[in-house]
Amino acid sequence: MANRTTTPPKTTPAPCQPCGGTGNVPITVRVGRKHRPVGQQDGLCLNCFGTGTDPNA
């Protein structure tokens, strides 16, 4: 009898929902006494910690 091994199909991990798989999310920058928004900068996604894959998948 031939010994046959099968490998499971490789699946790609699902992208993270908040960052869309990029690992970065926009953070609003606020300045001044009234904390008015002046722009946005990139921040690390706290859901996937910058990996871009869904941790619950």
Protein backbone atom coordinates (compact mmCIF):
# COMPACT_ATOMS: atom_id res chain seq x y z
CA MET A 1 0.00 0.00 0.00
CA ALA A 2 1.18 3.44 -0.85
CA ASN A 3 1.53 5.86 2.01
CA ARG A 4 -0.37 8.97 0.97
CA THR A 5 -0.17 12.31 2.79
CA THR A 6 -2.41 15.22 2.06
CA THR A 7 -1.68 18.83 2.85
CA PRO A 8 -4.50 21.18 3.75
CA PRO A 9 -5.15 23.97 1.25
CA LYS A 10 -3.41 27.23 2.10
CA THR A 11 -5.81 30.00 2.99
CA THR A 12 -5.03 33.68 3.03
CA PRO A 13 -5.75 35.44 6.32
CA ALA A 14 -8.70 37.81 6.39
CA PRO A 15 -7.84 41.54 6.40
CA CYS A 16 -8.46 43.53 9.56
CA GLN A 17 -11.73 45.51 9.47
CA PRO A 18 -10.70 48.85 11.11
CA CYS A 19 -7.56 49.36 9.03
CA GLY A 20 -8.57 47.48 5.88
CA GLY A 21 -5.43 45.34 5.96
CA THR A 22 -2.92 48.22 5.90
CA GLY A 23 -2.03 48.22 9.60
CA ASN A 24 -2.49 52.01 9.81
CA VAL A 25 -5.52 54.04 10.83
CA PRO A 26 -6.01 57.82 10.51
CA ILE A 27 -5.69 59.74 13.79
CA THR A 28 -7.07 63.29 14.02
CA VAL A 29 -4.52 65.86 15.20
CA ARG A 30 -5.96 68.54 17.50
CA VAL A 31 -4.17 71.75 18.48
CA GLY A 32 -4.87 74.92 20.42
CA ARG A 33 -6.83 75.84 23.48
CA LYS A 34 -10.14 74.72 21.95
CA HIS A 35 -8.62 71.53 20.49
CA ARG A 36 -9.64 72.25 16.93
CA PRO A 37 -8.79 69.55 14.37
CA VAL A 38 -6.05 70.57 11.91
CA GLY A 39 -5.32 67.35 10.06
CA GLN A 40 -4.70 63.63 10.28
CA GLN A 41 -1.69 61.41 10.72
CA ASP A 42 -1.17 57.65 10.47
CA GLY A 43 -1.40 55.63 13.65
CA LEU A 44 -0.89 51.97 14.47
CA CYS A 45 -4.03 49.86 14.31
CA LEU A 46 -4.75 48.62 17.84
CA ASN A 47 -6.96 45.78 16.63
CA CYS A 48 -4.25 43.93 14.69
CA PHE A 49 -1.15 45.77 16.03
CA GLY A 50 0.01 46.67 12.52
CA THR A 51 -0.04 43.21 10.97
CA GLY A 52 -3.10 43.87 8.79
CA THR A 53 -4.66 40.46 9.44
CA ASP A 54 -7.80 39.80 11.45
CA PRO A 55 -6.81 38.42 14.87
CA ASN A 56 -10.20 36.71 15.34
CA ALA A 57 -10.05 34.71 12.11
